[in-house]
Every structure is written in C-alpha cells, then in structure tokens.
Amino acid sequence: MSSKKPLIDHSLRATWQSVSRMYTEIAKQYGITMALGLTLLNIDPKNGTASTALGPIMGMEPTSLSRLLNSLEDLKLIERKPNPHDGRGVIIHITKDGLDKRDLIKKHVYAFNQGVEKQLSPRDLEGFYATIEALNQQTQTNESINVI
C-alpha cells in the first residue's frame, strides 16, 4: 500500500464531483438540474436580483448564465422585469413555483452543511475555511501556473 498523499487539486476535484452528483440527484427529484437549483438559491427571493449582478455572484460568464435564465424562464420558475431604477437593466424575480422549489433545495443544502459541520470540531471547521481561502488566493495569484 502506497503512503503517497493525493494531490490537493485531485482531492478537491473528487470531492466536488461527489457533492455535485449528490445535488444533481436531489435536483432531479424536483424536475430541474443542479445548476438551475443553485441559480434559484442566488436570486433574492423578495426583491429579485439584477441580471448583471447574478453572473458575478455565481462566478459565471454571461452566456452560460443567460442559458440558465432562459431555462428557468421556460420552466416558469423566474420572470424578468424591467429595472425601475435603470431602464436598460432587468431584475430577475422568482415565481411562486420557483420559490417552492428554492425552499425545497435550500433545505437540502442546509441539511448537507449541518451534517458536515456535525462531523467536524470547531477547530477543524476553522481549518477547512482557512484552506478554502488559501486555495482561492492561490488561484487568484496564478502562482501554481508560473513554474518556468
């Protein structure tokens, strides 16, 4: 048996794929995809969210986000309304059906997070968030790419 530790990026990728599969299965129960469910979670349920603000919140390119919004609109889970403060902008609002799905998905997300938190000590959880911050900083500086 090898005592070699897996690379950090491999562990991160494998874990995200596992979480992604779990959320995909949950979303299927509600007739949507994981991406659509996560989009619903990022839209303000009371006031809506400006379409231009949603991309940066979700870390998505405009074309990918546009496809998601079109799908949500086709499913009648959101509606687009003119921005009353800026005639050029659009506010994305969640419909009644969208709110119902959002609430169900939100319960699953919270349950998952609580389940993980129960398995970790406060110190381990603090270490996890410190690790995530270090990973984010590393990707921002591109130090891992500049090897030559």
C-alpha atoms as a PDB file:
ATOM      1  CA  MET A   1       0.000   0.000   0.000  1.00  0.00           C
ATOM      2  CA  SER A   2       1.349   3.387  -1.014  1.00  0.00           C
ATOM      3  CA  SER A   3       1.762   6.107   1.580  1.00  0.00           C
ATOM      4  CA  LYS A   4       1.573   8.760  -1.123  1.00  0.00           C
ATOM      5  CA  LYS A   5      -0.897  11.532  -0.365  1.00  0.00           C
ATOM      6  CA  PRO A   6      -3.218  12.594  -3.177  1.00  0.00           C
ATOM      7  CA  LEU A   7      -2.621  15.989  -4.732  1.00  0.00           C
ATOM      8  CA  ILE A   8      -4.705  18.830  -3.302  1.00  0.00           C
ATOM      9  CA  ASP A   9      -6.368  19.572  -6.638  1.00  0.00           C
ATOM     10  CA  HIS A  10      -7.278  15.885  -7.087  1.00  0.00           C
ATOM     11  CA  SER A  11      -8.902  15.743  -3.645  1.00  0.00           C
ATOM     12  CA  LEU A  12     -10.737  18.986  -4.320  1.00  0.00           C
ATOM     13  CA  ARG A  13     -11.984  17.794  -7.738  1.00  0.00           C
ATOM     14  CA  ALA A  14     -13.041  14.368  -6.464  1.00  0.00           C
ATOM     15  CA  THR A  15     -14.901  15.898  -3.520  1.00  0.00           C
ATOM     16  CA  TRP A  16     -16.678  18.470  -5.697  1.00  0.00           C
ATOM     17  CA  GLN A  17     -17.698  15.741  -8.151  1.00  0.00           C
ATOM     18  CA  SER A  18     -19.185  13.758  -5.282  1.00  0.00           C
ATOM     19  CA  VAL A  19     -21.087  16.779  -3.944  1.00  0.00           C
ATOM     20  CA  SER A  20     -22.180  17.662  -7.474  1.00  0.00           C
ATOM     21  CA  ARG A  21     -23.561  14.147  -8.060  1.00  0.00           C
ATOM     22  CA  MET A  22     -25.473  14.348  -4.784  1.00  0.00           C
ATOM     23  CA  TYR A  23     -27.010  17.727  -5.673  1.00  0.00           C
ATOM     24  CA  THR A  24     -27.769  16.535  -9.212  1.00  0.00           C
ATOM     25  CA  GLU A  25     -29.772  13.605  -7.824  1.00  0.00           C
ATOM     26  CA  ILE A  26     -31.634  15.907  -5.439  1.00  0.00           C
ATOM     27  CA  ALA A  27     -32.413  18.432  -8.195  1.00  0.00           C
ATOM     28  CA  LYS A  28     -33.746  15.651 -10.452  1.00  0.00           C
ATOM     29  CA  GLN A  29     -36.412  14.921  -7.833  1.00  0.00           C
ATOM     30  CA  TYR A  30     -37.750  18.421  -8.467  1.00  0.00           C
ATOM     31  CA  GLY A  31     -37.517  18.313 -12.256  1.00  0.00           C
ATOM     32  CA  ILE A  32     -34.542  20.659 -12.550  1.00  0.00           C
ATOM     33  CA  THR A  33     -30.759  20.491 -12.753  1.00  0.00           C
ATOM     34  CA  MET A  34     -28.239  21.294 -10.057  1.00  0.00           C
ATOM     35  CA  ALA A  35     -27.224  24.456 -11.936  1.00  0.00           C
ATOM     36  CA  LEU A  36     -30.829  25.652 -12.074  1.00  0.00           C
ATOM     37  CA  GLY A  37     -31.284  24.948  -8.365  1.00  0.00           C
ATOM     38  CA  LEU A  38     -28.128  26.834  -7.429  1.00  0.00           C
ATOM     39  CA  THR A  39     -29.246  29.737  -9.604  1.00  0.00           C
ATOM     40  CA  LEU A  40     -32.569  29.897  -7.733  1.00  0.00           C
ATOM     41  CA  LEU A  41     -30.646  29.992  -4.452  1.00  0.00           C
ATOM     42  CA  ASN A  42     -28.673  33.031  -5.638  1.00  0.00           C
ATOM     43  CA  ILE A  43     -31.703  35.144  -6.575  1.00  0.00           C
ATOM     44  CA  ASP A  44     -33.074  37.369  -3.820  1.00  0.00           C
ATOM     45  CA  PRO A  45     -36.483  35.822  -3.079  1.00  0.00           C
ATOM     46  CA  LYS A  46     -38.096  39.110  -2.010  1.00  0.00           C
ATOM     47  CA  ASN A  47     -36.634  41.828  -4.225  1.00  0.00           C
ATOM     48  CA  GLY A  48     -35.216  39.844  -7.103  1.00  0.00           C
ATOM     49  CA  THR A  49     -31.668  40.260  -8.373  1.00  0.00           C
ATOM     50  CA  ALA A  50     -30.350  42.362 -11.230  1.00  0.00           C
ATOM     51  CA  SER A  51     -29.310  40.097 -14.083  1.00  0.00           C
ATOM     52  CA  THR A  52     -25.969  41.910 -14.294  1.00  0.00           C
ATOM     53  CA  ALA A  53     -25.278  41.190 -10.606  1.00  0.00           C
ATOM     54  CA  LEU A  54     -26.157  37.496 -10.817  1.00  0.00           C
ATOM     55  CA  GLY A  55     -23.203  36.462 -13.003  1.00  0.00           C
ATOM     56  CA  PRO A  56     -20.525  37.763 -10.616  1.00  0.00           C
ATOM     57  CA  ILE A  57     -22.394  36.313  -7.603  1.00  0.00           C
ATOM     58  CA  MET A  58     -22.333  32.883  -9.221  1.00  0.00           C
ATOM     59  CA  GLY A  59     -18.932  33.244 -10.890  1.00  0.00           C
ATOM     60  CA  MET A  60     -20.420  32.638 -14.344  1.00  0.00           C
ATOM     61  CA  GLU A  61     -19.916  34.045 -17.790  1.00  0.00           C
ATOM     62  CA  PRO A  62     -22.907  35.976 -19.228  1.00  0.00           C
ATOM     63  CA  THR A  63     -23.649  33.410 -21.977  1.00  0.00           C
ATOM     64  CA  SER A  64     -23.792  30.486 -19.547  1.00  0.00           C
ATOM     65  CA  LEU A  65     -25.949  32.482 -17.163  1.00  0.00           C
ATOM     66  CA  SER A  66     -28.240  33.548 -19.999  1.00  0.00           C
ATOM     67  CA  ARG A  67     -28.867  29.890 -20.895  1.00  0.00           C
ATOM     68  CA  LEU A  68     -29.698  29.073 -17.274  1.00  0.00           C
ATOM     69  CA  LEU A  69     -32.063  32.035 -17.002  1.00  0.00           C
ATOM     70  CA  ASN A  70     -33.771  31.060 -20.261  1.00  0.00           C
ATOM     71  CA  SER A  71     -34.294  27.538 -18.919  1.00  0.00           C
ATOM     72  CA  LEU A  72     -35.673  28.852 -15.616  1.00  0.00           C
ATOM     73  CA  GLU A  73     -37.986  31.175 -17.519  1.00  0.00           C
ATOM     74  CA  ASP A  74     -39.169  28.312 -19.785  1.00  0.00           C
ATOM     75  CA  LEU A  75     -39.974  26.308 -16.641  1.00  0.00           C
ATOM     76  CA  LYS A  76     -41.843  29.357 -15.296  1.00  0.00           C
ATOM     77  CA  LEU A  77     -39.627  29.455 -12.200  1.00  0.00           C
ATOM     78  CA  ILE A  78     -38.472  33.041 -12.786  1.00  0.00           C
ATOM     79  CA  GLU A  79     -39.673  36.112 -14.607  1.00  0.00           C
ATOM     80  CA  ARG A  80     -37.716  39.079 -15.886  1.00  0.00           C
ATOM     81  CA  LYS A  81     -38.978  42.574 -15.113  1.00  0.00           C
ATOM     82  CA  PRO A  82     -37.556  45.943 -16.120  1.00  0.00           C
ATOM     83  CA  ASN A  83     -35.339  47.544 -13.508  1.00  0.00           C
ATOM     84  CA  PRO A  84     -37.325  50.535 -12.154  1.00  0.00           C
ATOM     85  CA  HIS A  85     -34.068  52.382 -11.349  1.00  0.00           C
ATOM     86  CA  ASP A  86     -32.339  51.697 -14.667  1.00  0.00           C
ATOM     87  CA  GLY A  87     -34.466  51.283 -17.776  1.00  0.00           C
ATOM     88  CA  ARG A  88     -31.703  49.334 -19.527  1.00  0.00           C
ATOM     89  CA  GLY A  89     -31.495  46.670 -16.807  1.00  0.00           C
ATOM     90  CA  VAL A  90     -33.585  43.650 -15.887  1.00  0.00           C
ATOM     91  CA  ILE A  91     -34.449  42.284 -12.458  1.00  0.00           C
ATOM     92  CA  ILE A  92     -34.856  38.515 -12.133  1.00  0.00           C
ATOM     93  CA  HIS A  93     -37.768  37.586  -9.851  1.00  0.00           C
ATOM     94  CA  ILE A  94     -38.640  34.111  -8.638  1.00  0.00           C
ATOM     95  CA  THR A  95     -42.216  32.951  -9.311  1.00  0.00           C
ATOM     96  CA  LYS A  96     -44.380  31.126  -6.757  1.00  0.00           C
ATOM     97  CA  ASP A  97     -43.339  27.750  -8.243  1.00  0.00           C
ATOM     98  CA  GLY A  98     -39.722  28.890  -8.258  1.00  0.00           C
ATOM     99  CA  LEU A  99     -39.954  29.891  -4.587  1.00  0.00           C
ATOM    100  CA  ASP A 100     -41.384  26.474  -3.722  1.00  0.00           C
ATOM    101  CA  LYS A 101     -38.501  24.709  -5.486  1.00  0.00           C
ATOM    102  CA  ARG A 102     -35.984  27.134  -3.983  1.00  0.00           C
ATOM    103  CA  ASP A 103     -37.248  26.399  -0.460  1.00  0.00           C
ATOM    104  CA  LEU A 104     -37.004  22.634  -1.003  1.00  0.00           C
ATOM    105  CA  ILE A 105     -33.491  22.888  -2.426  1.00  0.00           C
ATOM    106  CA  LYS A 106     -32.422  25.240   0.356  1.00  0.00           C
ATOM    107  CA  LYS A 107     -33.479  22.640   2.948  1.00  0.00           C
ATOM    108  CA  HIS A 108     -31.244  20.043   1.277  1.00  0.00           C
ATOM    109  CA  VAL A 109     -28.282  22.435   1.142  1.00  0.00           C
ATOM    110  CA  TYR A 110     -28.668  23.347   4.827  1.00  0.00           C
ATOM    111  CA  ALA A 111     -29.066  19.690   5.827  1.00  0.00           C
ATOM    112  CA  PHE A 112     -25.870  18.780   3.959  1.00  0.00           C
ATOM    113  CA  ASN A 113     -23.940  21.634   5.560  1.00  0.00           C
ATOM    114  CA  GLN A 114     -25.220  20.790   9.036  1.00  0.00           C
ATOM    115  CA  GLY A 115     -24.330  17.120   8.520  1.00  0.00           C
ATOM    116  CA  VAL A 116     -20.756  18.008   7.602  1.00  0.00           C
ATOM    117  CA  GLU A 117     -20.448  20.528  10.445  1.00  0.00           C
ATOM    118  CA  LYS A 118     -21.585  17.870  12.973  1.00  0.00           C
ATOM    119  CA  GLN A 119     -18.646  15.706  11.918  1.00  0.00           C
ATOM    120  CA  LEU A 120     -16.061  18.445  12.421  1.00  0.00           C
ATOM    121  CA  SER A 121     -14.769  20.150  15.526  1.00  0.00           C
ATOM    122  CA  PRO A 122     -14.850  23.953  15.558  1.00  0.00           C
ATOM    123  CA  ARG A 123     -11.059  23.873  15.058  1.00  0.00           C
ATOM    124  CA  ASP A 124     -11.364  21.545  12.041  1.00  0.00           C
ATOM    125  CA  LEU A 125     -14.086  23.750  10.554  1.00  0.00           C
ATOM    126  CA  GLU A 126     -11.900  26.820  11.034  1.00  0.00           C
ATOM    127  CA  GLY A 127      -9.044  24.943   9.326  1.00  0.00           C
ATOM    128  CA  PHE A 128     -11.340  23.996   6.446  1.00  0.00           C
ATOM    129  CA  TYR A 129     -12.271  27.629   5.801  1.00  0.00           C
ATOM    130  CA  ALA A 130      -8.618  28.677   6.098  1.00  0.00           C
ATOM    131  CA  THR A 131      -7.753  26.022   3.500  1.00  0.00           C
ATOM    132  CA  ILE A 132     -10.512  27.198   1.148  1.00  0.00           C
ATOM    133  CA  GLU A 133      -9.240  30.771   1.497  1.00  0.00           C
ATOM    134  CA  ALA A 134      -5.671  29.641   0.692  1.00  0.00           C
ATOM    135  CA  LEU A 135      -6.954  27.766  -2.387  1.00  0.00           C
ATOM    136  CA  ASN A 136      -8.849  30.845  -3.563  1.00  0.00           C
ATOM    137  CA  GLN A 137      -5.811  33.071  -3.031  1.00  0.00           C
ATOM    138  CA  GLN A 138      -3.608  30.620  -4.928  1.00  0.00           C
ATOM    139  CA  THR A 139      -5.943  30.633  -7.920  1.00  0.00           C
ATOM    140  CA  GLN A 140      -6.046  34.434  -7.908  1.00  0.00           C
ATOM    141  CA  THR A 141      -2.281  34.826  -7.989  1.00  0.00           C
ATOM    142  CA  ASN A 142      -1.751  32.084 -10.610  1.00  0.00           C
ATOM    143  CA  GLU A 143       1.441  31.098  -8.768  1.00  0.00           C
ATOM    144  CA  SER A 144       0.728  27.453  -9.469  1.00  0.00           C
ATOM    145  CA  ILE A 145       0.881  28.117 -13.222  1.00  0.00           C
ATOM    146  CA  ASN A 146       4.090  30.173 -13.310  1.00  0.00           C
ATOM    147  CA  VAL A 147       6.619  27.357 -12.971  1.00  0.00           C
ATOM    148  CA  ILE A 148       9.055  28.467 -15.666  1.00  0.00           C
END
